[in-house]
Protein backbone atom coordinates (compact mmCIF):
# COMPACT_ATOMS: atom_id res chain seq x y z
CA LEU A 1 45.60 16.05 56.68
CA ILE A 2 46.60 18.19 59.67
CA GLN A 3 43.91 16.61 61.83
CA GLY A 4 45.08 13.10 60.94
CA ALA A 5 48.71 13.99 61.65
CA ALA A 6 47.69 15.48 65.00
CA VAL A 7 45.85 12.30 66.02
CA LEU A 8 48.87 10.15 65.11
CA ALA A 9 51.20 12.48 67.00
CA LEU A 10 48.93 12.32 70.05
CA PHE A 11 48.94 8.53 70.02
CA ILE A 12 52.70 8.24 69.53
CA SER A 13 54.28 11.08 71.51
CA GLY A 14 51.65 11.29 74.21
CA GLY A 15 51.95 7.63 75.20
CA LEU A 16 48.26 7.13 74.45
CA SER A 17 48.91 4.19 72.13
CA THR A 18 50.83 2.12 74.67
CA GLY A 19 48.39 3.00 77.44
CA LEU A 20 45.41 2.04 75.30
CA LYS A 21 46.97 -1.30 74.39
CA ARG A 22 47.69 -2.14 78.04
CA ALA A 23 44.18 -1.22 79.11
CA ILE A 24 42.67 -3.42 76.41
CA GLU A 25 44.94 -6.36 77.21
CA GLU A 26 43.61 -6.45 80.78
CA PHE A 27 40.27 -7.80 79.61
CA ALA A 28 40.75 -8.80 75.95
CA PRO A 29 40.57 -12.60 75.47
CA GLY A 30 43.39 -12.77 72.90
CA LYS A 31 45.51 -10.94 70.36
CA GLY A 32 42.75 -10.86 67.75
CA ALA A 33 40.40 -9.16 70.22
CA THR A 34 43.17 -6.74 71.23
CA VAL A 35 43.70 -5.72 67.61
CA ALA A 36 39.96 -5.27 67.04
CA LEU A 37 39.35 -3.22 70.19
CA TYR A 38 42.43 -1.08 69.61
CA PHE A 39 41.36 -0.35 66.04
CA LEU A 40 37.84 0.56 67.17
CA ALA A 41 39.16 2.94 69.83
CA PHE A 42 41.70 4.48 67.47
CA TYR A 43 39.18 5.00 64.69
CA ALA A 44 36.58 6.39 67.10
CA ILE A 45 39.01 9.11 68.21
CA TYR A 46 40.00 9.83 64.63
CA TRP A 47 36.37 10.02 63.43
CA ILE A 48 35.15 12.20 66.28
CA THR A 49 37.99 14.70 65.89
CA ALA A 50 37.49 14.79 62.10
CA LEU A 51 33.72 15.25 62.24
CA PRO A 52 33.69 19.04 62.91
CA LEU A 53 35.98 19.65 59.91
CA ALA A 54 33.92 17.31 57.74
CA TRP A 55 30.74 19.16 58.79
CA TYR A 56 32.20 22.57 58.04
CA GLY A 57 33.76 21.60 54.70
CA GLY A 58 31.14 19.13 53.53
CA PHE A 59 27.98 20.82 54.79
CA VAL A 60 28.42 24.45 55.87
CA LEU A 61 30.62 25.60 52.99
CA GLN A 62 28.69 23.55 50.44
CA HIS A 63 25.46 25.30 51.47
CA ARG A 64 27.12 28.70 51.70
CA TYR A 65 28.15 28.50 48.04
CA GLY A 66 24.93 26.90 46.84
CA LEU A 67 26.46 23.54 46.01
CA SER A 68 24.41 21.41 48.42
CA THR A 69 20.71 20.62 48.60
CA GLN A 70 21.15 18.11 51.41
CA SER A 71 19.60 18.45 54.85
CA LEU A 72 21.77 18.11 57.94
CA ARG A 73 19.96 14.89 58.82
CA SER A 74 20.69 13.41 55.39
CA TRP A 75 24.31 14.55 55.53
CA PHE A 76 24.84 13.03 58.97
CA GLY A 77 23.17 9.82 57.80
CA ASP A 78 25.73 9.58 55.00
CA GLN A 79 28.50 10.07 57.56
CA LEU A 80 27.16 7.20 59.64
CA LYS A 81 26.91 4.93 56.58
CA ALA A 82 30.50 5.76 55.65
CA LEU A 83 31.54 5.11 59.25
CA ALA A 84 29.88 1.69 59.26
CA LEU A 85 31.62 0.71 56.02
CA ALA A 86 34.97 2.00 57.28
CA VAL A 87 34.66 0.09 60.54
CA ILE A 88 33.68 -3.19 58.87
CA LEU A 89 36.36 -3.03 56.20
CA GLY A 90 38.93 -1.56 58.58
CA LEU A 91 38.45 -4.35 61.11
CA LEU A 92 38.93 -6.99 58.45
CA ALA A 93 42.03 -5.23 57.13
CA ALA A 94 43.52 -4.75 60.61
CA GLU A 95 43.03 -8.39 61.59
CA LEU A 96 44.56 -9.63 58.34
CA LEU A 97 47.44 -7.16 58.56
CA TYR A 98 48.44 -8.14 62.10
CA PHE A 99 48.05 -11.81 61.28
CA LEU A 100 50.60 -11.28 58.48
CA LEU A 101 52.87 -9.17 60.69
CA ALA A 102 52.93 -11.93 63.32
CA ARG A 103 53.43 -14.78 60.84
CA SER A 104 55.84 -13.18 58.38
CA ALA A 105 57.74 -10.23 59.80
CA ALA A 106 60.00 -10.05 56.74
CA ALA A 107 57.53 -10.51 53.88
CA TRP A 108 54.29 -9.19 55.41
CA TRP A 109 54.35 -6.16 53.14
CA PHE A 110 54.14 -8.32 50.00
CA TRP A 111 51.23 -10.42 51.22
CA ALA A 112 49.45 -7.30 52.49
CA TRP A 113 49.92 -5.66 49.08
CA LEU A 114 48.58 -8.73 47.32
CA ALA A 115 45.49 -8.84 49.55
CA PHE A 116 44.94 -5.10 49.07
CA THR A 117 45.15 -5.47 45.29
CA LEU A 118 42.65 -8.34 45.21
CA PHE A 119 40.33 -6.32 47.40
CA ALA A 120 40.58 -3.33 45.01
CA VAL A 121 39.53 -5.53 42.09
CA VAL A 122 36.55 -6.94 44.01
CA LEU A 123 35.54 -3.48 45.22
CA ALA A 124 35.65 -2.07 41.68
CA ASN A 125 33.19 -4.78 40.66
CA LEU A 126 30.84 -4.43 43.65
CA PHE A 127 30.91 -0.64 44.07
CA PRO A 128 28.09 0.18 41.60
CA VAL A 129 25.69 -2.47 42.92
CA LEU A 130 26.39 -2.60 46.67
CA ILE A 131 28.02 0.62 47.87
CA LEU A 132 26.99 3.50 45.60
CA PRO A 133 23.21 2.90 46.04
CA LEU A 134 23.66 3.32 49.80
CA PHE A 135 24.53 6.98 49.21
CA ILE A 136 23.05 7.99 45.85
CA PRO A 137 20.30 5.96 44.13
CA PHE A 138 20.18 5.61 40.36
CA ARG A 139 17.70 4.30 37.82
CA PRO A 140 17.72 3.51 34.08
CA LEU A 141 17.74 6.55 31.82
CA GLU A 142 14.14 7.35 30.89
CA ASP A 143 14.65 9.80 28.02
CA GLU A 144 14.17 7.39 25.11
CA GLU A 145 15.33 9.83 22.43
CA LEU A 146 18.51 10.63 24.34
CA LYS A 147 19.01 6.96 25.24
CA GLY A 148 18.79 6.02 21.56
CA ARG A 149 21.40 8.62 20.62
CA LEU A 150 23.71 7.49 23.38
CA MET A 151 23.37 3.79 22.53
CA LYS A 152 24.18 4.56 18.89
CA LEU A 153 27.24 6.44 20.10
CA ALA A 154 28.29 3.40 22.12
CA GLU A 155 27.88 1.21 19.01
CA ARG A 156 30.01 3.60 16.95
CA ALA A 157 32.63 3.42 19.67
CA GLY A 158 32.56 -0.37 19.42
CA THR A 159 31.79 -0.76 23.12
CA ARG A 160 29.30 -2.72 25.16
CA VAL A 161 27.85 -1.11 28.25
CA ARG A 162 25.55 -2.76 30.76
CA GLY A 163 23.30 0.25 30.84
CA ILE A 164 23.04 4.02 31.04
CA PHE A 165 21.62 5.24 34.33
CA THR A 166 20.47 8.48 35.89
CA LEU A 167 22.26 9.26 39.14
CA GLN A 168 19.98 11.14 41.56
CA LEU A 169 22.47 13.86 42.41
CA SER A 170 19.90 16.64 42.82
CA ALA A 171 18.82 15.20 46.18
CA LYS A 172 22.20 16.18 47.56
CA THR A 173 23.95 18.66 45.29
CA THR A 174 23.55 21.18 42.50
CA ALA A 175 26.85 20.07 40.91
CA GLY A 176 26.90 18.14 37.65
CA ASN A 177 28.79 14.92 37.17
CA ALA A 178 29.04 11.71 35.16
CA ALA A 179 31.12 8.58 35.56
CA LEU A 180 32.00 5.17 34.21
CA VAL A 181 31.87 2.73 37.15
CA GLY A 182 32.11 -0.97 37.67
CA TRP A 183 34.15 -3.83 36.37
CA GLY A 184 33.09 -6.63 34.08
CA ASN A 185 29.39 -7.39 34.40
CA THR A 186 28.74 -4.39 36.65
CA ARG A 187 30.23 -1.76 34.31
CA ARG A 188 27.77 1.04 33.67
CA ILE A 189 27.61 4.71 32.78
CA LEU A 190 26.04 7.12 35.25
CA LEU A 191 24.75 10.55 34.27
CA GLY A 192 23.79 12.94 37.04
CA ASP A 193 20.20 14.20 36.85
CA THR A 194 21.68 17.68 37.25
CA LEU A 195 23.31 17.16 33.84
CA LEU A 196 20.14 15.86 32.22
CA ARG A 197 18.18 18.83 33.53
CA ASP A 198 20.53 21.63 32.51
CA TYR A 199 22.38 20.38 29.42
CA THR A 200 21.42 19.87 25.77
CA HIS A 201 21.44 16.45 24.15
CA ASP A 202 24.52 17.38 22.11
CA GLU A 203 26.34 18.37 25.29
CA ILE A 204 25.31 15.18 27.08
CA GLU A 205 26.49 13.19 24.06
CA THR A 206 30.00 14.61 24.45
CA VAL A 207 29.89 13.77 28.16
CA LEU A 208 28.95 10.17 27.38
CA ALA A 209 31.64 9.99 24.69
CA HIS A 210 34.19 10.98 27.31
CA GLU A 211 32.98 8.21 29.62
CA LEU A 212 32.94 5.70 26.75
CA ALA A 213 36.55 6.60 26.06
CA HIS A 214 37.50 5.22 29.47
CA HIS A 215 35.85 1.95 28.42
CA VAL A 216 37.54 1.94 25.00
CA HIS A 217 40.93 2.71 26.55
CA HIS A 218 40.43 0.10 29.33
CA ASP A 219 41.12 2.80 31.89
CA VAL A 220 39.57 0.93 34.82
CA ALA A 221 41.88 -2.05 34.26
CA TRP A 222 44.91 0.12 33.57
CA GLY A 223 44.14 2.25 36.59
CA ILE A 224 44.10 -0.80 38.84
CA ILE A 225 47.36 -2.06 37.32
CA VAL A 226 49.19 1.27 37.60
CA GLN A 227 47.93 1.96 41.12
CA SER A 228 48.81 -1.59 42.18
CA LEU A 229 52.40 -1.19 40.96
CA LEU A 230 52.68 2.12 42.78
CA ASN A 231 51.19 0.51 45.88
CA LEU A 232 53.76 -2.29 45.62
CA LEU A 233 56.50 0.30 45.90
CA ILE A 234 54.73 1.94 48.84
CA PHE A 235 54.27 -1.35 50.69
CA TRP A 236 57.89 -2.32 50.00
CA ALA A 237 59.17 1.00 51.35
CA THR A 238 56.91 0.65 54.39
CA GLY A 239 58.35 -2.83 54.96
CA ARG A 240 61.81 -1.22 55.20
CA ILE A 241 61.00 1.95 57.16
CA PHE A 242 58.44 0.66 59.66
CA PRO A 243 60.62 -1.99 61.40
CA PHE A 244 63.42 0.57 61.75
CA LEU A 245 61.12 3.07 63.49
CA VAL A 246 59.63 0.34 65.68
CA ARG A 247 63.09 -0.54 66.98
CA ILE A 248 63.98 3.10 67.63
CA ALA A 249 60.70 3.71 69.48
CA GLY A 250 61.21 0.59 71.61
CA TYR A 251 58.02 -1.29 70.74
CA GLY A 252 57.81 -5.08 71.12
CA GLY A 253 58.01 -5.75 67.37
CA VAL A 254 56.27 -4.98 64.11
CA ASP A 255 53.23 -6.96 65.28
CA ASP A 256 52.84 -4.79 68.40
CA ILE A 257 49.47 -3.09 67.94
CA ALA A 258 50.71 -0.11 69.94
CA ALA A 259 52.98 0.70 66.96
CA PHE A 260 49.99 0.99 64.63
CA PRO A 261 50.09 4.83 64.56
CA ILE A 262 53.68 4.62 63.27
CA LEU A 263 52.61 2.21 60.54
CA ALA A 264 49.68 4.46 59.60
CA GLY A 265 51.96 7.51 59.59
CA VAL A 266 54.57 5.89 57.34
CA MET A 267 52.00 4.68 54.82
CA GLY A 268 50.18 8.00 54.95
CA CYS A 269 53.37 9.94 54.19
CA LEU A 270 54.29 7.63 51.31
CA LEU A 271 50.79 7.89 49.85
CA LEU A 272 50.96 11.66 50.12
CA LEU A 273 54.33 11.75 48.34
CA SER A 274 53.01 9.51 45.57
CA SER A 275 49.77 11.46 45.05
CA PRO A 276 51.25 13.83 42.40
CA LEU A 277 52.20 10.78 40.31
CA THR A 278 48.69 9.35 40.65
CA ALA A 279 47.17 12.71 39.76
CA ALA A 280 49.47 13.12 36.74
CA TYR A 281 48.51 9.68 35.42
CA SER A 282 44.82 10.45 35.90
CA ARG A 283 45.10 13.81 34.11
CA TRP A 284 46.79 12.07 31.17
CA ARG A 285 44.05 9.47 30.84
CA GLU A 286 41.35 12.11 31.20
CA SER A 287 43.01 14.20 28.50
CA LEU A 288 43.00 11.19 26.16
CA ALA A 289 39.31 10.69 26.92
CA ASP A 290 38.66 14.34 26.02
CA ASP A 291 40.46 13.85 22.69
CA TYR A 292 38.35 10.78 21.98
CA ALA A 293 35.08 12.52 22.91
CA ILE A 294 35.73 15.46 20.61
CA ARG A 295 36.86 13.24 17.75
CA ILE A 296 34.08 10.65 17.84
CA THR A 297 31.24 13.16 18.22
CA GLY A 298 32.75 15.85 16.01
CA LYS A 299 31.13 18.42 18.30
CA PRO A 300 33.88 20.57 19.82
CA GLU A 301 31.44 23.44 20.41
CA ALA A 302 29.21 21.21 22.53
CA PHE A 303 32.22 19.86 24.43
CA ALA A 304 33.48 23.39 25.17
CA SER A 305 29.98 24.43 26.22
CA VAL A 306 29.81 21.52 28.67
CA MET A 307 33.11 22.53 30.23
CA VAL A 308 32.04 26.15 30.62
CA LYS A 309 28.74 25.11 32.20
CA LEU A 310 30.46 22.67 34.55
CA ALA A 311 32.88 25.37 35.65
CA GLY A 312 29.97 27.60 36.64
CA GLN A 313 27.82 24.83 38.08
CA ASN A 314 30.60 23.26 40.17
CA LEU A 315 32.41 26.53 40.95
CA ALA A 316 35.57 25.15 39.38
CA GLU A 317 38.60 27.34 38.79
CA ALA A 318 39.27 27.56 35.05
CA PHE A 319 43.03 28.10 35.30
CA PRO A 320 44.34 27.15 38.76
CA PRO A 321 47.98 27.74 39.75
CA ARG A 322 50.30 25.17 38.22
CA TRP A 323 51.36 23.86 41.65
CA ALA A 324 47.72 23.23 42.58
CA GLU A 325 47.12 21.39 39.32
CA ILE A 326 50.15 19.16 39.91
CA LEU A 327 49.26 18.35 43.50
CA PHE A 328 45.48 18.11 43.53
CA TYR A 329 43.88 17.86 40.08
CA SER A 330 42.85 14.42 38.79
CA HIS A 331 41.43 16.05 35.62
CA PRO A 332 42.90 18.75 33.40
CA PRO A 333 41.66 22.18 34.49
CA ILE A 334 38.43 23.30 32.82
CA GLY A 335 40.17 26.14 30.99
CA LYS A 336 42.63 23.79 29.30
CA ARG A 337 39.82 21.48 28.24
CA VAL A 338 37.93 24.37 26.64
CA LEU A 339 41.07 25.51 24.82
CA LYS A 340 41.58 21.96 23.51
CA ALA A 341 38.09 21.94 21.99
CA GLN A 342 38.62 25.36 20.46
CA LYS A 343 41.94 24.33 18.92
CA TRP A 344 40.36 21.15 17.55
CA LYS A 345 37.62 23.20 15.91
CA GLU A 346 40.12 25.68 14.45
CA GLY A 347 42.28 22.83 13.12
CA LYS A 348 39.27 21.10 11.57
CA CYS A 349 38.07 24.32 9.94
CA ALA A 350 41.56 25.02 8.61
CA SER A 351 41.66 21.57 6.98
CA LEU A 352 38.39 22.12 5.10
């Protein structure tokens, strides 16, 4: 966050943005090329300055606390893959954005929001089959006894899944995880091999039940809808604030590529301000999925055991400060999830 703000400040206050644009315009064949070359230069500076922090946080600290099994070569390879994806998608987004800014200075924000929303839907569908395998491979679950139990659970939940897969997490981390990914015909449930190795079948069943709950509750669709509405507000506010700042700073107009750092800064600030709302919504849906998992399996002890194991395996804080939960947690804290299972068990026993 601080690094990104520093890069934007350097481009804006240091005159780097205007100077870069002028240098590019001397040999760029047109506005499209200017936008592309500016974006590449901007992102190169951002990526290079962020790399040391990413290495320390994503490699050094992960190894120090025993959370990573990844070699430096593998880690750096993942960074290069992510860079390639960011450059390809970023170039497409930048060209479309500045086309809209030049053609519709008043309503660009709406058309940009609409394009972003359509892209999010497509990405949700393609992520499991095109992007995820680039970083972590997965294969069909091989444990037939466990697979049978999990498929019966899916039938009891009245859901159809395209498959249950083993995510090869152990090649990169010791942490356990599971997820429901995809949209439509690419929807599938992924169980980390670190879960399959260290957890009982009853515990894994509660994990799957939690993921099935997201399917039953249509959380992928609702998540896209809710986030899209929030993004509409963000794009609308950007459409009001950005032109005002462009005029104050003396740029040539909203389609002046030199003003891109201002645009990025405005959207970044608005996204940051909205993140507690996004996190609160996510915690609510995850809490509902926990309720469903405990109810449909009837195994609160196994659910609580999973949470305790995950806390130790992932070095999660059981009861973080309330401010940290509000700002950063997309799931209820582990301690609250364990207490929920315990209360469910006590309530069930009391009713017998």
